[in-house]
Amino acid sequence: MSDQTPVFAIQRIYLKGASLEQPNSPAILLEPEQPTLDMQLGVQAHPVSEGIYEVVITATVQTKIKDKTVFLVETQQAGIFEIRNVPQEQMQQVLAISCPQIVYPYLRGNTADLIQRAGFPPVHLAEINFQAMYEQQIAQQLAQMGQPQANNTLQ
């Protein structure tokens, strides 16, 4: 029976990629106007081998003054997780909620650090409710398929 015990273990958390662009420097740095900020977030998960999964969160942070970019930062923070003996109907929730909750604080820190090292005040990414994000994605998928949304409640 012990071989059916659920396993959830963090194998590694790492910075998969980071890029910074300042295409209009140095002139844009002399602008007195405050920049606008746009932040996009994406989560991807895929199997690496039997029972081993990589979860990657990508954050894209762009600031602009009028139509000119001040800076554009993209960071990808990843985690490798061993997940075994989890019921298939729960696996998507583990990969879309539990794993990103572990990886996200590292993404926040690395993104703020990169922006600050570029000479800007750090941008602190807001806390994310990955369960609400997951439920919203399920509701959107059900709506696109024309199914009622009452069945998307997570347990």
N, C-alpha and C. Protein backbone atom coordinates (compact mmCIF):
# COMPACT_ATOMS: atom_id res chain seq x y z
N MET A 1 0.81 -1.20 0.00
CA MET A 1 0.00 0.00 0.00
C MET A 1 0.85 1.26 0.00
N SER A 2 2.04 1.23 0.61
CA SER A 2 2.85 2.43 0.73
C SER A 2 3.32 2.95 -0.63
N ASP A 3 3.35 2.08 -1.67
CA ASP A 3 3.77 2.55 -2.98
C ASP A 3 2.71 3.42 -3.65
N GLN A 4 1.52 3.53 -3.07
CA GLN A 4 0.47 4.40 -3.60
C GLN A 4 0.34 5.71 -2.81
N THR A 5 1.24 5.93 -1.88
CA THR A 5 1.22 7.16 -1.09
C THR A 5 1.53 8.34 -2.00
N PRO A 6 0.71 9.40 -1.94
CA PRO A 6 1.00 10.58 -2.77
C PRO A 6 2.36 11.19 -2.42
N VAL A 7 3.07 11.62 -3.45
CA VAL A 7 4.37 12.24 -3.28
C VAL A 7 4.32 13.63 -3.92
N PHE A 8 4.75 14.64 -3.15
CA PHE A 8 4.91 15.99 -3.69
C PHE A 8 6.20 16.53 -3.09
N ALA A 9 7.21 16.70 -3.94
CA ALA A 9 8.51 17.16 -3.46
C ALA A 9 9.09 18.18 -4.43
N ILE A 10 9.69 19.21 -3.87
CA ILE A 10 10.38 20.22 -4.68
C ILE A 10 11.77 19.68 -4.97
N GLN A 11 12.11 19.58 -6.24
CA GLN A 11 13.44 19.13 -6.63
C GLN A 11 14.40 20.32 -6.77
N ARG A 12 13.87 21.42 -7.37
CA ARG A 12 14.72 22.59 -7.59
C ARG A 12 13.86 23.78 -7.97
N ILE A 13 14.27 24.97 -7.51
CA ILE A 13 13.67 26.23 -7.94
C ILE A 13 14.81 27.01 -8.59
N TYR A 14 14.57 27.55 -9.79
CA TYR A 14 15.66 28.25 -10.48
C TYR A 14 15.13 29.34 -11.40
N LEU A 15 16.01 30.31 -11.66
CA LEU A 15 15.72 31.38 -12.61
C LEU A 15 16.02 30.83 -13.99
N LYS A 16 14.98 30.63 -14.78
CA LYS A 16 15.14 30.02 -16.10
C LYS A 16 15.60 31.03 -17.14
N GLY A 17 15.14 32.28 -17.00
CA GLY A 17 15.55 33.30 -17.95
C GLY A 17 15.21 34.68 -17.44
N ALA A 18 15.98 35.66 -17.89
CA ALA A 18 15.71 37.04 -17.53
C ALA A 18 16.24 37.94 -18.64
N SER A 19 15.46 38.94 -18.98
CA SER A 19 15.93 39.90 -19.98
C SER A 19 15.46 41.29 -19.58
N LEU A 20 16.27 42.27 -19.95
CA LEU A 20 15.99 43.67 -19.66
C LEU A 20 16.32 44.48 -20.89
N GLU A 21 15.39 45.33 -21.28
CA GLU A 21 15.62 46.24 -22.41
C GLU A 21 15.30 47.65 -21.97
N GLN A 22 16.16 48.58 -22.37
CA GLN A 22 15.94 50.01 -22.16
C GLN A 22 16.15 50.70 -23.52
N PRO A 23 15.23 50.52 -24.45
CA PRO A 23 15.47 50.96 -25.82
C PRO A 23 15.57 52.47 -26.02
N ASN A 24 15.05 53.25 -25.09
CA ASN A 24 15.06 54.70 -25.28
C ASN A 24 15.96 55.43 -24.29
N SER A 25 16.86 54.69 -23.66
CA SER A 25 17.80 55.31 -22.73
C SER A 25 18.95 55.92 -23.52
N PRO A 26 19.51 57.00 -23.10
CA PRO A 26 19.31 57.68 -21.83
C PRO A 26 18.25 58.79 -21.89
N ALA A 27 17.79 59.18 -23.07
CA ALA A 27 16.89 60.33 -23.18
C ALA A 27 15.61 60.16 -22.37
N ILE A 28 15.05 58.95 -22.37
CA ILE A 28 13.78 58.72 -21.66
C ILE A 28 13.94 58.90 -20.15
N LEU A 29 15.15 58.70 -19.64
CA LEU A 29 15.41 58.83 -18.21
C LEU A 29 15.33 60.27 -17.74
N LEU A 30 15.39 61.22 -18.66
CA LEU A 30 15.32 62.63 -18.30
C LEU A 30 13.90 63.18 -18.35
N GLU A 31 12.95 62.36 -18.78
CA GLU A 31 11.55 62.78 -18.84
C GLU A 31 11.00 62.97 -17.43
N PRO A 32 10.32 64.09 -17.17
CA PRO A 32 9.77 64.33 -15.83
C PRO A 32 8.47 63.57 -15.55
N GLU A 33 7.83 63.11 -16.60
CA GLU A 33 6.53 62.43 -16.46
C GLU A 33 6.70 61.05 -15.83
N GLN A 34 5.70 60.65 -15.03
CA GLN A 34 5.71 59.32 -14.42
C GLN A 34 5.31 58.28 -15.46
N PRO A 35 6.02 57.15 -15.50
CA PRO A 35 5.67 56.12 -16.48
C PRO A 35 4.44 55.33 -16.07
N THR A 36 3.78 54.75 -17.08
CA THR A 36 2.70 53.81 -16.81
C THR A 36 3.31 52.41 -16.75
N LEU A 37 2.65 51.53 -16.04
CA LEU A 37 3.17 50.18 -15.83
C LEU A 37 2.17 49.16 -16.33
N ASP A 38 2.66 48.16 -17.07
CA ASP A 38 1.83 47.05 -17.52
C ASP A 38 2.55 45.76 -17.12
N MET A 39 1.82 44.85 -16.50
CA MET A 39 2.40 43.59 -16.07
C MET A 39 1.54 42.44 -16.58
N GLN A 40 2.18 41.47 -17.20
CA GLN A 40 1.50 40.26 -17.69
C GLN A 40 2.14 39.06 -16.99
N LEU A 41 1.32 38.06 -16.70
CA LEU A 41 1.79 36.88 -16.01
C LEU A 41 1.27 35.64 -16.71
N GLY A 42 2.12 34.64 -16.86
CA GLY A 42 1.71 33.38 -17.47
C GLY A 42 2.29 32.20 -16.71
N VAL A 43 1.55 31.10 -16.68
CA VAL A 43 2.00 29.89 -16.00
C VAL A 43 1.92 28.73 -16.99
N GLN A 44 3.00 27.97 -17.06
CA GLN A 44 3.03 26.77 -17.90
C GLN A 44 3.57 25.61 -17.08
N ALA A 45 3.06 24.43 -17.36
CA ALA A 45 3.55 23.22 -16.70
C ALA A 45 3.66 22.12 -17.73
N HIS A 46 4.71 21.34 -17.63
CA HIS A 46 4.84 20.20 -18.53
C HIS A 46 5.68 19.10 -17.87
N PRO A 47 5.42 17.86 -18.26
CA PRO A 47 6.20 16.76 -17.70
C PRO A 47 7.63 16.77 -18.25
N VAL A 48 8.57 16.44 -17.37
CA VAL A 48 9.98 16.33 -17.76
C VAL A 48 10.32 14.85 -17.94
N SER A 49 9.85 14.04 -17.01
CA SER A 49 9.99 12.59 -17.09
C SER A 49 8.89 12.00 -16.21
N GLU A 50 8.90 10.70 -16.03
CA GLU A 50 7.85 10.04 -15.25
C GLU A 50 7.79 10.60 -13.83
N GLY A 51 6.68 11.27 -13.50
CA GLY A 51 6.49 11.81 -12.15
C GLY A 51 7.22 13.10 -11.85
N ILE A 52 7.91 13.65 -12.84
CA ILE A 52 8.68 14.90 -12.66
C ILE A 52 8.11 15.95 -13.61
N TYR A 53 7.82 17.13 -13.06
CA TYR A 53 7.19 18.21 -13.82
C TYR A 53 7.95 19.51 -13.63
N GLU A 54 7.99 20.30 -14.70
CA GLU A 54 8.53 21.66 -14.62
C GLU A 54 7.36 22.62 -14.70
N VAL A 55 7.34 23.58 -13.77
CA VAL A 55 6.35 24.64 -13.77
C VAL A 55 7.11 25.95 -13.94
N VAL A 56 6.71 26.74 -14.95
CA VAL A 56 7.39 28.00 -15.26
C VAL A 56 6.39 29.14 -15.18
N ILE A 57 6.75 30.17 -14.42
CA ILE A 57 5.95 31.39 -14.37
C ILE A 57 6.74 32.46 -15.09
N THR A 58 6.09 33.13 -16.03
CA THR A 58 6.72 34.21 -16.79
C THR A 58 6.04 35.51 -16.43
N ALA A 59 6.84 36.50 -16.06
CA ALA A 59 6.33 37.85 -15.79
C ALA A 59 6.95 38.79 -16.81
N THR A 60 6.11 39.62 -17.42
CA THR A 60 6.57 40.65 -18.33
C THR A 60 6.13 41.98 -17.75
N VAL A 61 7.09 42.84 -17.45
CA VAL A 61 6.82 44.14 -16.87
C VAL A 61 7.34 45.19 -17.83
N GLN A 62 6.44 46.09 -18.26
CA GLN A 62 6.82 47.15 -19.19
C GLN A 62 6.35 48.49 -18.63
N THR A 63 7.24 49.45 -18.65
CA THR A 63 6.87 50.81 -18.29
C THR A 63 7.05 51.70 -19.52
N LYS A 64 6.13 52.65 -19.66
CA LYS A 64 6.16 53.56 -20.81
C LYS A 64 5.88 54.98 -20.35
N ILE A 65 6.44 55.90 -21.07
CA ILE A 65 6.07 57.31 -20.98
C ILE A 65 5.56 57.67 -22.37
N LYS A 66 4.29 58.03 -22.41
CA LYS A 66 3.57 58.24 -23.67
C LYS A 66 3.66 56.94 -24.46
N ASP A 67 4.25 56.95 -25.63
CA ASP A 67 4.34 55.71 -26.42
C ASP A 67 5.75 55.13 -26.44
N LYS A 68 6.63 55.64 -25.58
CA LYS A 68 8.02 55.17 -25.57
C LYS A 68 8.28 54.30 -24.34
N THR A 69 8.93 53.17 -24.58
CA THR A 69 9.25 52.25 -23.51
C THR A 69 10.40 52.79 -22.66
N VAL A 70 10.18 52.79 -21.34
CA VAL A 70 11.26 53.13 -20.41
C VAL A 70 12.09 51.87 -20.19
N PHE A 71 11.42 50.79 -19.77
CA PHE A 71 12.09 49.50 -19.69
C PHE A 71 11.09 48.38 -19.89
N LEU A 72 11.62 47.26 -20.34
CA LEU A 72 10.85 46.04 -20.54
C LEU A 72 11.64 44.91 -19.90
N VAL A 73 11.05 44.25 -18.92
CA VAL A 73 11.70 43.15 -18.21
C VAL A 73 10.85 41.91 -18.37
N GLU A 74 11.49 40.81 -18.70
CA GLU A 74 10.80 39.52 -18.71
C GLU A 74 11.63 38.56 -17.88
N THR A 75 10.99 37.94 -16.89
CA THR A 75 11.66 36.94 -16.06
C THR A 75 10.86 35.65 -16.11
N GLN A 76 11.58 34.55 -16.11
CA GLN A 76 10.97 33.22 -16.07
C GLN A 76 11.56 32.49 -14.88
N GLN A 77 10.71 32.20 -13.92
CA GLN A 77 11.12 31.47 -12.74
C GLN A 77 10.51 30.08 -12.85
N ALA A 78 11.30 29.06 -12.56
CA ALA A 78 10.82 27.69 -12.75
C ALA A 78 11.06 26.85 -11.51
N GLY A 79 10.31 25.79 -11.44
CA GLY A 79 10.50 24.80 -10.39
C GLY A 79 10.35 23.42 -10.98
N ILE A 80 11.11 22.50 -10.47
CA ILE A 80 10.98 21.09 -10.85
C ILE A 80 10.40 20.38 -9.64
N PHE A 81 9.30 19.67 -9.88
CA PHE A 81 8.57 19.02 -8.81
C PHE A 81 8.40 17.54 -9.10
N GLU A 82 8.55 16.73 -8.06
CA GLU A 82 8.22 15.32 -8.17
C GLU A 82 6.80 15.17 -7.64
N ILE A 83 5.91 14.68 -8.50
CA ILE A 83 4.51 14.51 -8.14
C ILE A 83 4.10 13.11 -8.60
N ARG A 84 3.78 12.28 -7.62
CA ARG A 84 3.41 10.89 -7.93
C ARG A 84 2.18 10.49 -7.12
N ASN A 85 1.42 9.56 -7.68
CA ASN A 85 0.26 8.96 -7.01
C ASN A 85 -0.79 9.99 -6.60
N VAL A 86 -0.90 11.05 -7.38
CA VAL A 86 -1.95 12.04 -7.18
C VAL A 86 -3.05 11.71 -8.18
N PRO A 87 -4.30 11.66 -7.73
CA PRO A 87 -5.38 11.35 -8.67
C PRO A 87 -5.38 12.31 -9.86
N GLN A 88 -5.63 11.77 -11.03
CA GLN A 88 -5.56 12.56 -12.27
C GLN A 88 -6.44 13.81 -12.21
N GLU A 89 -7.62 13.69 -11.58
CA GLU A 89 -8.53 14.85 -11.52
C GLU A 89 -7.98 15.96 -10.63
N GLN A 90 -6.99 15.68 -9.79
CA GLN A 90 -6.38 16.70 -8.94
C GLN A 90 -5.05 17.21 -9.48
N MET A 91 -4.48 16.50 -10.44
CA MET A 91 -3.16 16.83 -10.95
C MET A 91 -3.10 18.24 -11.54
N GLN A 92 -4.11 18.63 -12.31
CA GLN A 92 -4.11 19.96 -12.92
C GLN A 92 -4.12 21.05 -11.86
N GLN A 93 -4.85 20.83 -10.78
CA GLN A 93 -4.89 21.81 -9.69
C GLN A 93 -3.53 21.92 -9.01
N VAL A 94 -2.85 20.81 -8.80
CA VAL A 94 -1.53 20.83 -8.18
C VAL A 94 -0.57 21.64 -9.06
N LEU A 95 -0.61 21.39 -10.38
CA LEU A 95 0.31 22.07 -11.29
C LEU A 95 -0.05 23.55 -11.51
N ALA A 96 -1.33 23.88 -11.40
CA ALA A 96 -1.77 25.25 -11.67
C ALA A 96 -1.90 26.11 -10.42
N ILE A 97 -1.96 25.48 -9.25
CA ILE A 97 -2.15 26.26 -8.01
C ILE A 97 -0.98 26.05 -7.04
N SER A 98 -0.76 24.82 -6.62
CA SER A 98 0.24 24.53 -5.58
C SER A 98 1.66 24.87 -6.03
N CYS A 99 2.04 24.41 -7.19
CA CYS A 99 3.41 24.66 -7.66
C CYS A 99 3.67 26.16 -7.91
N PRO A 100 2.79 26.87 -8.61
CA PRO A 100 3.04 28.31 -8.80
C PRO A 100 3.11 29.09 -7.48
N GLN A 101 2.34 28.69 -6.47
CA GLN A 101 2.41 29.37 -5.18
C GLN A 101 3.80 29.24 -4.55
N ILE A 102 4.49 28.17 -4.83
CA ILE A 102 5.84 27.96 -4.32
C ILE A 102 6.85 28.76 -5.13
N VAL A 103 6.70 28.80 -6.45
CA VAL A 103 7.66 29.44 -7.35
C VAL A 103 7.53 30.96 -7.35
N TYR A 104 6.31 31.47 -7.23
CA TYR A 104 6.04 32.91 -7.41
C TYR A 104 6.86 33.85 -6.52
N PRO A 105 7.05 33.55 -5.23
CA PRO A 105 7.86 34.48 -4.43
C PRO A 105 9.28 34.68 -4.97
N TYR A 106 9.85 33.65 -5.55
CA TYR A 106 11.18 33.77 -6.15
C TYR A 106 11.12 34.67 -7.39
N LEU A 107 10.07 34.53 -8.18
CA LEU A 107 9.88 35.37 -9.35
C LEU A 107 9.76 36.84 -8.94
N ARG A 108 8.97 37.10 -7.92
CA ARG A 108 8.79 38.47 -7.43
C ARG A 108 10.13 39.08 -7.03
N GLY A 109 10.92 38.34 -6.27
CA GLY A 109 12.21 38.85 -5.81
C GLY A 109 13.19 39.08 -6.94
N ASN A 110 13.28 38.13 -7.87
CA ASN A 110 14.21 38.28 -8.98
C ASN A 110 13.82 39.41 -9.92
N THR A 111 12.51 39.59 -10.13
CA THR A 111 12.05 40.68 -11.00
C THR A 111 12.36 42.03 -10.36
N ALA A 112 12.04 42.18 -9.09
CA ALA A 112 12.33 43.45 -8.39
C ALA A 112 13.83 43.73 -8.38
N ASP A 113 14.64 42.71 -8.15
CA ASP A 113 16.09 42.87 -8.12
C ASP A 113 16.63 43.30 -9.48
N LEU A 114 16.17 42.67 -10.54
CA LEU A 114 16.64 43.01 -11.88
C LEU A 114 16.31 44.46 -12.23
N ILE A 115 15.09 44.87 -11.92
CA ILE A 115 14.67 46.24 -12.21
C ILE A 115 15.50 47.24 -11.39
N GLN A 116 15.73 46.92 -10.13
CA GLN A 116 16.52 47.82 -9.28
C GLN A 116 17.97 47.88 -9.75
N ARG A 117 18.54 46.77 -10.15
CA ARG A 117 19.92 46.76 -10.64
C ARG A 117 20.07 47.54 -11.95
N ALA A 118 18.95 47.70 -12.67
CA ALA A 118 18.98 48.48 -13.90
C ALA A 118 18.91 49.99 -13.61
N GLY A 119 18.77 50.34 -12.34
CA GLY A 119 18.78 51.75 -11.98
C GLY A 119 17.41 52.35 -11.73
N PHE A 120 16.40 51.51 -11.62
CA PHE A 120 15.04 51.98 -11.40
C PHE A 120 14.58 51.58 -10.01
N PRO A 121 13.56 52.28 -9.48
CA PRO A 121 12.98 51.79 -8.23
C PRO A 121 12.39 50.40 -8.47
N PRO A 122 12.52 49.50 -7.50
CA PRO A 122 12.00 48.15 -7.73
C PRO A 122 10.49 48.16 -7.93
N VAL A 123 10.04 47.28 -8.79
CA VAL A 123 8.61 47.07 -8.99
C VAL A 123 8.27 45.80 -8.23
N HIS A 124 7.41 45.92 -7.24
CA HIS A 124 7.02 44.76 -6.45
C HIS A 124 5.72 44.20 -7.02
N LEU A 125 5.81 43.02 -7.58
CA LEU A 125 4.64 42.37 -8.15
C LEU A 125 3.66 42.04 -7.03
N ALA A 126 2.39 42.22 -7.31
CA ALA A 126 1.34 41.95 -6.32
C ALA A 126 1.25 40.46 -6.03
N GLU A 127 0.72 40.15 -4.87
CA GLU A 127 0.43 38.76 -4.54
C GLU A 127 -0.62 38.24 -5.54
N ILE A 128 -0.54 36.98 -5.89
CA ILE A 128 -1.46 36.37 -6.84
C ILE A 128 -2.19 35.23 -6.15
N ASN A 129 -3.50 35.19 -6.34
CA ASN A 129 -4.31 34.07 -5.86
C ASN A 129 -4.42 33.08 -7.02
N PHE A 130 -3.54 32.09 -7.01
CA PHE A 130 -3.49 31.14 -8.13
C PHE A 130 -4.74 30.27 -8.21
N GLN A 131 -5.40 30.05 -7.08
CA GLN A 131 -6.65 29.28 -7.13
C GLN A 131 -7.72 30.06 -7.86
N ALA A 132 -7.86 31.35 -7.56
CA ALA A 132 -8.85 32.19 -8.26
C ALA A 132 -8.51 32.29 -9.75
N MET A 133 -7.21 32.40 -10.05
CA MET A 133 -6.78 32.46 -11.45
C MET A 133 -7.15 31.17 -12.19
N TYR A 134 -6.92 30.02 -11.53
CA TYR A 134 -7.26 28.72 -12.11
C TYR A 134 -8.76 28.59 -12.33
N GLU A 135 -9.55 28.97 -11.32
CA GLU A 135 -11.01 28.88 -11.44
C GLU A 135 -11.53 29.78 -12.57
N GLN A 136 -10.91 30.94 -12.74
CA GLN A 136 -11.30 31.85 -13.82
C GLN A 136 -10.99 31.22 -15.18
N GLN A 137 -9.84 30.57 -15.30
CA GLN A 137 -9.49 29.91 -16.56
C GLN A 137 -10.45 28.77 -16.88
N ILE A 138 -10.83 28.00 -15.86
CA ILE A 138 -11.78 26.89 -16.07
C ILE A 138 -13.13 27.46 -16.51
N ALA A 139 -13.57 28.53 -15.86
CA ALA A 139 -14.85 29.15 -16.22
C ALA A 139 -14.82 29.65 -17.66
N GLN A 140 -13.71 30.24 -18.07
CA GLN A 140 -13.58 30.72 -19.45
C GLN A 140 -13.60 29.56 -20.44
N GLN A 141 -12.92 28.47 -20.11
CA GLN A 141 -12.91 27.29 -20.99
C GLN A 141 -14.31 26.70 -21.11
N LEU A 142 -15.03 26.62 -20.01
CA LEU A 142 -16.39 26.08 -20.04
C LEU A 142 -17.31 26.99 -20.84
N ALA A 143 -17.14 28.29 -20.69
CA ALA A 143 -17.96 29.25 -21.44
C ALA A 143 -17.70 29.13 -22.94
N GLN A 144 -16.44 28.92 -23.31
CA GLN A 144 -16.10 28.77 -24.72
C GLN A 144 -16.69 27.49 -25.30
N MET A 145 -16.83 26.48 -24.47
CA MET A 145 -17.39 25.21 -24.92
C MET A 145 -18.91 25.21 -24.82
N GLY A 146 -19.47 26.29 -24.25
CA GLY A 146 -20.91 26.39 -24.15
C GLY A 146 -21.51 25.59 -23.02
N GLN A 147 -20.70 25.24 -22.01
CA GLN A 147 -21.20 24.46 -20.89
C GLN A 147 -21.53 25.39 -19.73
N PRO A 148 -22.46 25.00 -18.88
CA PRO A 148 -22.77 25.81 -17.70
C PRO A 148 -21.55 25.90 -16.77
N GLN A 149 -21.40 27.02 -16.10
CA GLN A 149 -20.23 27.25 -15.26
C GLN A 149 -20.42 26.76 -13.84
N ALA A 150 -21.56 26.24 -13.49
CA ALA A 150 -21.81 25.80 -12.12
C ALA A 150 -20.95 24.62 -11.71
N ASN A 151 -20.39 23.88 -12.68
CA ASN A 151 -19.62 22.68 -12.36
C ASN A 151 -18.13 22.95 -12.17
N ASN A 152 -17.71 24.21 -12.12
CA ASN A 152 -16.27 24.47 -12.07
C ASN A 152 -15.75 24.74 -10.67
N THR A 153 -16.52 24.46 -9.65
CA THR A 153 -16.08 24.70 -8.30
C THR A 153 -15.04 23.65 -7.91
N LEU A 154 -13.92 24.13 -7.37
CA LEU A 154 -12.85 23.22 -6.94
C LEU A 154 -13.16 22.71 -5.55
N GLN A 155 -12.74 21.49 -5.27
CA GLN A 155 -12.97 20.91 -3.95
C GLN A 155 -11.66 20.74 -3.24
